[in-house]
């Protein structure tokens, strides 16, 4: 019988790398060299300077899990013709948001997500937005108070 030391498991522990939710989406647009960043506890997907998608698979608010499309309200109607189950994100508490979700629990989720990837590869202008640049607050200019100049008479 071999004795194990409690620290033996720690020696062999490997830092678990997070796996992208709905990773097949990244594979489908790999030819565009997408980049990813963590956002809202999800994975934001950029093509060039445009954010195109957010991939979400979380335990909190599971109704909003799936593929979020970065779009604007003016494109909702035409996109809904292609994605009948698409809807606004509920997590933000507003009826209509610019972010639209292809819900992961929809029967045609993978098909719809891959269709969205087709549109992104075709550079469809309805999907993707250049994020507004955040203006960093500048620290206030330092003002230095100088001692009042003394006249030649007062220096004597």
N, C-alpha and C. Protein backbone atom coordinates (compact mmCIF):
# COMPACT_ATOMS: atom_id res chain seq x y z
N UNK A 1 0.85 -1.18 0.00
CA UNK A 1 0.00 0.00 0.00
C UNK A 1 0.89 1.24 0.00
N UNK A 2 0.64 2.13 -0.95
CA UNK A 2 1.45 3.35 -1.01
C UNK A 2 0.77 4.43 -0.19
N UNK A 3 1.60 5.16 0.49
CA UNK A 3 1.06 6.27 1.28
C UNK A 3 1.16 7.53 0.45
N UNK A 4 0.14 8.28 0.49
CA UNK A 4 0.12 9.53 -0.25
C UNK A 4 0.19 10.68 0.73
N UNK A 5 0.95 11.63 0.38
CA UNK A 5 1.05 12.84 1.17
C UNK A 5 -0.01 13.81 0.67
N UNK A 6 -0.63 14.60 1.54
CA UNK A 6 -1.69 15.52 1.09
C UNK A 6 -1.24 16.49 0.02
N UNK A 7 0.06 16.80 -0.02
CA UNK A 7 0.53 17.76 -1.01
C UNK A 7 0.83 17.11 -2.37
N UNK A 8 0.79 15.78 -2.44
CA UNK A 8 1.06 15.11 -3.71
C UNK A 8 0.08 15.55 -4.79
N UNK A 9 -1.19 15.66 -4.44
CA UNK A 9 -2.20 16.08 -5.42
C UNK A 9 -1.92 17.49 -5.91
N UNK A 10 -1.45 18.33 -5.03
CA UNK A 10 -1.16 19.71 -5.43
C UNK A 10 -0.01 19.76 -6.43
N UNK A 11 0.93 18.85 -6.31
CA UNK A 11 2.05 18.84 -7.23
C UNK A 11 1.61 18.53 -8.65
N UNK A 12 0.58 17.73 -8.77
CA UNK A 12 0.12 17.32 -10.10
C UNK A 12 -1.08 18.11 -10.59
N UNK A 13 -1.53 19.02 -9.77
CA UNK A 13 -2.68 19.84 -10.18
C UNK A 13 -2.25 20.77 -11.30
N UNK A 14 -3.08 20.88 -12.29
CA UNK A 14 -2.81 21.75 -13.42
C UNK A 14 -3.85 22.86 -13.38
N UNK A 15 -3.41 24.07 -13.59
CA UNK A 15 -4.35 25.17 -13.60
C UNK A 15 -5.35 24.93 -14.73
N UNK A 16 -6.59 24.92 -14.36
CA UNK A 16 -7.65 24.65 -15.33
C UNK A 16 -7.85 25.87 -16.21
N UNK A 17 -7.74 25.67 -17.50
CA UNK A 17 -7.98 26.78 -18.42
C UNK A 17 -9.45 26.79 -18.76
N UNK A 18 -9.99 27.96 -18.87
CA UNK A 18 -11.41 28.04 -19.18
C UNK A 18 -11.63 27.74 -20.66
N UNK A 19 -12.67 27.02 -20.90
CA UNK A 19 -13.04 26.67 -22.27
C UNK A 19 -14.09 27.66 -22.73
N UNK A 20 -13.95 28.11 -23.94
CA UNK A 20 -14.91 29.07 -24.47
C UNK A 20 -16.28 28.41 -24.59
N UNK A 21 -17.32 29.08 -24.09
CA UNK A 21 -18.66 28.53 -24.30
C UNK A 21 -19.00 28.56 -25.79
N UNK A 22 -19.68 27.56 -26.24
CA UNK A 22 -20.11 27.48 -27.64
C UNK A 22 -18.91 27.67 -28.58
N UNK A 23 -17.86 26.93 -28.31
CA UNK A 23 -16.59 27.08 -29.02
C UNK A 23 -16.72 26.85 -30.53
N UNK A 24 -17.72 26.11 -30.95
CA UNK A 24 -17.91 25.87 -32.38
C UNK A 24 -18.10 27.19 -33.15
N UNK A 25 -18.59 28.21 -32.46
CA UNK A 25 -18.78 29.52 -33.10
C UNK A 25 -17.42 30.12 -33.47
N UNK A 26 -16.46 30.02 -32.55
CA UNK A 26 -15.12 30.53 -32.83
C UNK A 26 -14.48 29.77 -33.99
N UNK A 27 -14.72 28.47 -34.03
CA UNK A 27 -14.19 27.66 -35.14
C UNK A 27 -14.79 28.11 -36.47
N UNK A 28 -16.08 28.46 -36.46
CA UNK A 28 -16.77 28.84 -37.69
C UNK A 28 -16.29 30.18 -38.26
N UNK A 29 -15.75 31.06 -37.41
CA UNK A 29 -15.27 32.35 -37.91
C UNK A 29 -13.75 32.47 -37.79
N UNK A 30 -13.08 31.35 -37.60
CA UNK A 30 -11.62 31.35 -37.42
C UNK A 30 -10.89 32.01 -38.58
N UNK A 31 -11.43 31.92 -39.79
CA UNK A 31 -10.78 32.53 -40.96
C UNK A 31 -10.68 34.05 -40.85
N UNK A 32 -11.48 34.66 -39.96
CA UNK A 32 -11.46 36.11 -39.77
C UNK A 32 -10.50 36.53 -38.66
N UNK A 33 -9.81 35.55 -38.06
CA UNK A 33 -8.87 35.80 -36.95
C UNK A 33 -9.53 36.59 -35.82
N UNK A 34 -10.61 36.06 -35.25
CA UNK A 34 -11.29 36.79 -34.18
C UNK A 34 -10.41 36.87 -32.93
N UNK A 35 -10.64 37.90 -32.15
CA UNK A 35 -10.00 38.01 -30.84
C UNK A 35 -11.10 37.97 -29.80
N UNK A 36 -10.74 37.57 -28.59
CA UNK A 36 -11.73 37.46 -27.52
C UNK A 36 -11.26 38.21 -26.28
N UNK A 37 -12.23 38.65 -25.51
CA UNK A 37 -11.99 39.31 -24.22
C UNK A 37 -13.11 38.92 -23.27
N UNK A 38 -12.80 38.87 -22.01
CA UNK A 38 -13.82 38.63 -21.00
C UNK A 38 -14.68 39.89 -20.87
N UNK A 39 -15.99 39.71 -20.84
CA UNK A 39 -16.91 40.82 -20.69
C UNK A 39 -18.19 40.30 -20.05
N UNK A 40 -18.66 40.96 -19.03
CA UNK A 40 -19.89 40.56 -18.32
C UNK A 40 -19.80 39.12 -17.83
N UNK A 41 -18.61 38.61 -17.57
CA UNK A 41 -18.45 37.22 -17.16
C UNK A 41 -18.66 36.26 -18.32
N UNK A 42 -18.64 36.77 -19.53
CA UNK A 42 -18.83 35.97 -20.74
C UNK A 42 -17.61 36.18 -21.63
N UNK A 43 -17.70 35.73 -22.86
CA UNK A 43 -16.59 35.89 -23.80
C UNK A 43 -17.03 36.75 -24.98
N UNK A 44 -16.46 37.95 -25.07
CA UNK A 44 -16.76 38.86 -26.18
C UNK A 44 -15.87 38.50 -27.36
N UNK A 45 -16.45 38.51 -28.55
CA UNK A 45 -15.73 38.14 -29.77
C UNK A 45 -15.66 39.36 -30.68
N UNK A 46 -14.44 39.69 -31.07
CA UNK A 46 -14.19 40.84 -31.94
C UNK A 46 -13.63 40.36 -33.27
N UNK A 47 -14.02 41.04 -34.33
CA UNK A 47 -13.41 40.86 -35.65
C UNK A 47 -12.91 42.25 -36.02
N UNK A 48 -11.62 42.39 -36.05
CA UNK A 48 -11.04 43.72 -36.22
C UNK A 48 -11.40 44.56 -35.02
N UNK A 49 -11.90 45.77 -35.27
CA UNK A 49 -12.26 46.65 -34.16
C UNK A 49 -13.72 46.48 -33.74
N UNK A 50 -14.47 45.66 -34.47
CA UNK A 50 -15.90 45.48 -34.17
C UNK A 50 -16.12 44.33 -33.20
N UNK A 51 -17.00 44.58 -32.22
CA UNK A 51 -17.48 43.48 -31.40
C UNK A 51 -18.65 42.87 -32.17
N UNK A 52 -18.63 41.57 -32.37
CA UNK A 52 -19.68 40.93 -33.16
C UNK A 52 -20.57 40.03 -32.32
N UNK A 53 -19.99 39.37 -31.34
CA UNK A 53 -20.75 38.39 -30.55
C UNK A 53 -20.30 38.40 -29.11
N UNK A 54 -21.15 37.87 -28.25
CA UNK A 54 -20.76 37.46 -26.91
C UNK A 54 -21.26 36.04 -26.76
N UNK A 55 -20.38 35.19 -26.26
CA UNK A 55 -20.73 33.79 -26.03
C UNK A 55 -20.98 33.63 -24.53
N UNK A 56 -22.16 33.12 -24.18
CA UNK A 56 -22.54 33.05 -22.77
C UNK A 56 -23.08 31.67 -22.42
N UNK A 57 -22.55 31.13 -21.32
CA UNK A 57 -23.05 29.88 -20.75
C UNK A 57 -22.79 29.94 -19.25
N UNK A 58 -23.74 30.52 -18.54
CA UNK A 58 -23.58 30.73 -17.10
C UNK A 58 -24.78 30.16 -16.36
N UNK A 59 -24.58 29.92 -15.08
CA UNK A 59 -25.66 29.38 -14.26
C UNK A 59 -26.68 30.46 -13.87
N UNK A 60 -26.21 31.71 -13.71
CA UNK A 60 -27.14 32.78 -13.37
C UNK A 60 -27.82 33.25 -14.65
N UNK A 61 -29.08 33.47 -14.58
CA UNK A 61 -29.90 33.89 -15.74
C UNK A 61 -29.68 32.99 -16.95
N UNK A 62 -29.96 31.70 -16.82
CA UNK A 62 -29.71 30.77 -17.94
C UNK A 62 -30.55 31.07 -19.18
N UNK A 63 -31.62 31.83 -19.04
CA UNK A 63 -32.43 32.17 -20.21
C UNK A 63 -31.64 33.00 -21.22
N UNK A 64 -30.60 33.69 -20.75
CA UNK A 64 -29.79 34.52 -21.65
C UNK A 64 -28.53 33.81 -22.13
N UNK A 65 -28.41 32.51 -21.86
CA UNK A 65 -27.28 31.75 -22.39
C UNK A 65 -27.46 31.55 -23.89
N UNK A 66 -26.34 31.57 -24.57
CA UNK A 66 -26.36 31.38 -26.02
C UNK A 66 -25.37 32.29 -26.69
N UNK A 67 -25.71 32.74 -27.87
CA UNK A 67 -24.86 33.64 -28.65
C UNK A 67 -25.57 34.99 -28.73
N UNK A 68 -24.90 36.01 -28.20
CA UNK A 68 -25.44 37.37 -28.26
C UNK A 68 -24.92 38.04 -29.52
N UNK A 69 -25.82 38.67 -30.25
CA UNK A 69 -25.44 39.40 -31.46
C UNK A 69 -25.34 40.89 -31.16
N UNK A 70 -24.24 41.49 -31.54
CA UNK A 70 -24.08 42.94 -31.40
C UNK A 70 -24.75 43.57 -32.61
N UNK A 71 -25.81 44.29 -32.37
CA UNK A 71 -26.57 44.89 -33.46
C UNK A 71 -27.24 46.17 -32.97
N UNK A 72 -28.10 46.74 -33.76
CA UNK A 72 -28.85 47.93 -33.35
C UNK A 72 -30.33 47.66 -33.60
N UNK A 73 -31.17 48.46 -32.96
CA UNK A 73 -32.62 48.26 -33.06
C UNK A 73 -33.12 48.32 -34.50
N UNK A 74 -32.47 49.12 -35.33
CA UNK A 74 -32.92 49.25 -36.72
C UNK A 74 -32.78 47.94 -37.50
N UNK A 75 -31.95 47.02 -37.03
CA UNK A 75 -31.74 45.75 -37.73
C UNK A 75 -32.52 44.58 -37.13
N UNK A 76 -33.21 44.80 -36.02
CA UNK A 76 -33.90 43.70 -35.35
C UNK A 76 -34.91 43.00 -36.26
N UNK A 77 -35.73 43.78 -36.94
CA UNK A 77 -36.78 43.19 -37.76
C UNK A 77 -36.22 42.30 -38.87
N UNK A 78 -35.21 42.80 -39.58
CA UNK A 78 -34.66 42.00 -40.68
C UNK A 78 -33.90 40.78 -40.14
N UNK A 79 -33.24 40.92 -39.01
CA UNK A 79 -32.55 39.76 -38.43
C UNK A 79 -33.54 38.72 -37.91
N UNK A 80 -34.68 39.19 -37.40
CA UNK A 80 -35.67 38.25 -36.88
C UNK A 80 -36.26 37.38 -38.00
N UNK A 81 -36.23 37.88 -39.24
CA UNK A 81 -36.68 37.05 -40.36
C UNK A 81 -35.74 35.87 -40.55
N UNK A 82 -34.46 36.08 -40.27
CA UNK A 82 -33.48 34.99 -40.39
C UNK A 82 -33.39 34.15 -39.13
N UNK A 83 -33.67 34.78 -37.99
CA UNK A 83 -33.56 34.09 -36.69
C UNK A 83 -34.86 34.29 -35.91
N UNK A 84 -35.89 33.48 -36.19
CA UNK A 84 -37.20 33.68 -35.56
C UNK A 84 -37.17 33.60 -34.03
N UNK A 85 -36.23 32.86 -33.45
CA UNK A 85 -36.18 32.72 -31.99
C UNK A 85 -35.29 33.78 -31.32
N UNK A 86 -34.71 34.66 -32.10
CA UNK A 86 -33.88 35.73 -31.56
C UNK A 86 -34.75 36.68 -30.73
N UNK A 87 -34.18 37.17 -29.62
CA UNK A 87 -34.90 38.11 -28.77
C UNK A 87 -33.89 38.99 -28.04
N UNK A 88 -34.40 40.03 -27.38
CA UNK A 88 -33.54 40.91 -26.58
C UNK A 88 -33.06 40.18 -25.33
N UNK A 89 -31.93 40.60 -24.85
CA UNK A 89 -31.37 40.05 -23.61
C UNK A 89 -32.29 40.45 -22.46
N UNK A 90 -32.65 39.50 -21.62
CA UNK A 90 -33.52 39.79 -20.48
C UNK A 90 -32.73 40.29 -19.27
N UNK A 91 -31.48 39.94 -19.23
CA UNK A 91 -30.61 40.24 -18.10
C UNK A 91 -30.54 41.73 -17.79
N UNK A 92 -30.66 42.57 -18.79
CA UNK A 92 -30.52 44.01 -18.60
C UNK A 92 -31.80 44.67 -18.11
N UNK A 93 -32.91 43.93 -18.08
CA UNK A 93 -34.14 44.44 -17.53
C UNK A 93 -34.91 45.40 -18.41
N UNK A 94 -34.51 45.55 -19.65
CA UNK A 94 -35.25 46.42 -20.58
C UNK A 94 -35.96 45.53 -21.60
N UNK A 95 -37.06 46.05 -22.15
CA UNK A 95 -37.80 45.26 -23.13
C UNK A 95 -36.98 45.04 -24.40
N UNK A 96 -36.36 46.10 -24.90
CA UNK A 96 -35.59 46.01 -26.13
C UNK A 96 -34.18 46.50 -25.85
N UNK A 97 -33.21 45.68 -26.23
CA UNK A 97 -31.81 46.06 -26.10
C UNK A 97 -31.14 45.90 -27.46
N UNK A 98 -30.02 46.55 -27.62
CA UNK A 98 -29.27 46.36 -28.86
C UNK A 98 -28.73 44.94 -28.94
N UNK A 99 -28.37 44.37 -27.80
CA UNK A 99 -27.90 42.99 -27.79
C UNK A 99 -29.09 42.06 -27.98
N UNK A 100 -28.97 41.17 -28.94
CA UNK A 100 -29.99 40.16 -29.19
C UNK A 100 -29.36 38.80 -28.96
N UNK A 101 -30.15 37.87 -28.45
CA UNK A 101 -29.61 36.55 -28.13
C UNK A 101 -30.24 35.48 -29.01
N UNK A 102 -29.39 34.56 -29.45
CA UNK A 102 -29.85 33.31 -30.04
C UNK A 102 -29.80 32.33 -28.87
N UNK A 103 -30.94 32.02 -28.25
CA UNK A 103 -30.94 31.25 -27.01
C UNK A 103 -30.39 29.84 -27.18
N UNK A 104 -29.55 29.44 -26.22
CA UNK A 104 -28.93 28.11 -26.26
C UNK A 104 -29.95 27.00 -26.11
N UNK A 105 -31.09 27.28 -25.50
CA UNK A 105 -32.09 26.22 -25.30
C UNK A 105 -33.05 26.10 -26.49
N UNK A 106 -32.87 26.88 -27.53
CA UNK A 106 -33.72 26.76 -28.72
C UNK A 106 -33.36 25.49 -29.48
N UNK A 107 -34.34 24.89 -30.09
CA UNK A 107 -34.10 23.63 -30.81
C UNK A 107 -33.15 23.80 -31.99
N UNK A 108 -33.11 24.99 -32.56
CA UNK A 108 -32.25 25.23 -33.73
C UNK A 108 -31.03 26.09 -33.37
N UNK A 109 -30.59 26.05 -32.10
CA UNK A 109 -29.53 26.93 -31.64
C UNK A 109 -28.26 26.84 -32.48
N UNK A 110 -27.73 25.64 -32.65
CA UNK A 110 -26.46 25.51 -33.39
C UNK A 110 -26.61 25.97 -34.83
N UNK A 111 -27.71 25.63 -35.45
CA UNK A 111 -27.96 26.05 -36.84
C UNK A 111 -28.03 27.57 -36.92
N UNK A 112 -28.73 28.20 -35.99
CA UNK A 112 -28.86 29.65 -35.99
C UNK A 112 -27.51 30.31 -35.72
N UNK A 113 -26.75 29.78 -34.78
CA UNK A 113 -25.44 30.35 -34.46
C UNK A 113 -24.51 30.26 -35.66
N UNK A 114 -24.54 29.13 -36.36
CA UNK A 114 -23.69 28.98 -37.55
C UNK A 114 -24.15 29.90 -38.68
N UNK A 115 -25.46 30.15 -38.77
CA UNK A 115 -25.97 31.10 -39.77
C UNK A 115 -25.48 32.51 -39.45
N UNK A 116 -25.45 32.85 -38.16
CA UNK A 116 -24.92 34.16 -37.76
C UNK A 116 -23.44 34.25 -38.13
N UNK A 117 -22.71 33.17 -37.98
CA UNK A 117 -21.30 33.14 -38.38
C UNK A 117 -21.16 33.35 -39.89
N UNK A 118 -22.07 32.76 -40.66
CA UNK A 118 -22.06 32.99 -42.11
C UNK A 118 -22.21 34.48 -42.42
N UNK A 119 -23.14 35.14 -41.72
CA UNK A 119 -23.36 36.57 -41.94
C UNK A 119 -22.14 37.39 -41.54
N UNK A 120 -21.49 37.00 -40.46
CA UNK A 120 -20.29 37.71 -40.01
C UNK A 120 -19.17 37.54 -41.03
N UNK A 121 -19.00 36.33 -41.54
CA UNK A 121 -17.97 36.09 -42.56
C UNK A 121 -18.25 36.88 -43.83
N UNK A 122 -19.53 37.08 -44.13
CA UNK A 122 -19.93 37.85 -45.32
C UNK A 122 -19.90 39.36 -45.04
N UNK A 123 -19.48 39.73 -43.83
CA UNK A 123 -19.39 41.16 -43.42
C UNK A 123 -20.74 41.85 -43.46
N UNK A 124 -21.79 41.12 -43.08
CA UNK A 124 -23.13 41.70 -43.04
C UNK A 124 -23.13 42.87 -42.06
N UNK A 125 -23.54 44.06 -42.51
CA UNK A 125 -23.47 45.25 -41.65
C UNK A 125 -24.44 45.23 -40.46
N UNK A 126 -25.37 44.28 -40.45
CA UNK A 126 -26.34 44.22 -39.35
C UNK A 126 -25.74 43.64 -38.07
N UNK A 127 -24.63 42.93 -38.20
CA UNK A 127 -24.00 42.33 -37.03
C UNK A 127 -22.62 42.94 -36.83
N UNK A 128 -22.43 43.48 -35.64
CA UNK A 128 -21.14 44.05 -35.30
C UNK A 128 -21.24 45.55 -35.08
N UNK A 129 -20.55 46.00 -34.04
CA UNK A 129 -20.53 47.43 -33.72
C UNK A 129 -19.13 47.78 -33.24
N UNK A 130 -18.69 48.96 -33.62
CA UNK A 130 -17.43 49.46 -33.08
C UNK A 130 -17.77 50.08 -31.73
N UNK A 131 -17.19 49.53 -30.65
CA UNK A 131 -17.52 50.07 -29.32
C UNK A 131 -17.11 51.54 -29.20
N UNK A 132 -17.89 52.26 -28.43
CA UNK A 132 -17.54 53.65 -28.16
C UNK A 132 -16.25 53.66 -27.36
N UNK A 133 -15.42 54.58 -27.70
CA UNK A 133 -14.15 54.72 -26.97
C UNK A 133 -14.45 55.32 -25.60
N UNK A 134 -13.88 54.70 -24.60
CA UNK A 134 -14.05 55.25 -23.26
C UNK A 134 -13.07 56.39 -23.08
N UNK A 135 -13.58 57.49 -22.62
CA UNK A 135 -12.73 58.64 -22.36
C UNK A 135 -12.27 58.51 -20.92
N UNK A 136 -10.97 58.40 -20.77
CA UNK A 136 -10.44 58.29 -19.43
C UNK A 136 -10.42 59.67 -18.79
N UNK A 137 -10.84 59.72 -17.56
CA UNK A 137 -10.85 60.99 -16.85
C UNK A 137 -9.42 61.43 -16.61
N UNK A 138 -9.14 62.64 -16.99
CA UNK A 138 -7.81 63.18 -16.77
C UNK A 138 -7.73 63.75 -15.36
N UNK A 139 -6.61 63.57 -14.74
CA UNK A 139 -6.48 64.18 -13.41
C UNK A 139 -6.47 65.69 -13.58
N UNK A 140 -7.00 66.41 -12.61
CA UNK A 140 -7.02 67.87 -12.75
C UNK A 140 -5.60 68.41 -12.81
N UNK A 141 -5.48 69.52 -13.54
CA UNK A 141 -4.16 70.14 -13.64
C UNK A 141 -3.74 70.62 -12.26
N UNK A 142 -2.49 70.40 -11.99
CA UNK A 142 -1.99 70.86 -10.71
C UNK A 142 -1.78 72.36 -10.77
N UNK A 143 -2.23 73.00 -9.76
CA UNK A 143 -1.98 74.44 -9.67
C UNK A 143 -1.05 74.66 -8.48
N UNK A 144 -0.09 75.45 -8.70
CA UNK A 144 0.87 75.74 -7.65
C UNK A 144 0.64 77.16 -7.16
N UNK A 145 0.51 77.29 -5.90
CA UNK A 145 0.34 78.63 -5.33
C UNK A 145 1.72 79.15 -4.99
N UNK A 146 2.03 80.25 -5.55
CA UNK A 146 3.31 80.87 -5.28
C UNK A 146 3.14 81.90 -4.17
N UNK A 147 4.17 82.06 -3.45
CA UNK A 147 4.14 83.11 -2.43
C UNK A 147 4.05 84.44 -3.14
N UNK A 148 3.27 85.34 -2.62
CA UNK A 148 3.15 86.64 -3.29
C UNK A 148 4.53 87.31 -3.37
N UNK A 149 4.76 87.92 -4.48
CA UNK A 149 6.03 88.64 -4.66
C UNK A 149 6.08 89.80 -3.70
N UNK A 150 7.19 89.89 -3.11
CA UNK A 150 7.38 91.00 -2.21
C UNK A 150 8.06 92.13 -2.95
N UNK A 151 7.65 93.26 -2.65
CA UNK A 151 8.25 94.42 -3.31
C UNK A 151 9.66 94.64 -2.76
N UNK A 152 10.42 95.38 -3.49
CA UNK A 152 11.82 95.66 -3.08
C UNK A 152 11.84 96.35 -1.72
N UNK A 153 10.84 97.17 -1.44
CA UNK A 153 10.81 97.88 -0.16
C UNK A 153 10.58 96.89 0.99
N UNK A 154 9.73 95.89 0.79
CA UNK A 154 9.43 94.97 1.88
C UNK A 154 10.58 93.99 2.12
N UNK A 155 11.46 93.82 1.16
CA UNK A 155 12.59 92.91 1.34
C UNK A 155 13.67 93.52 2.22
N UNK A 156 13.65 94.79 2.37
CA UNK A 156 14.70 95.45 3.15
C UNK A 156 14.56 95.24 4.59
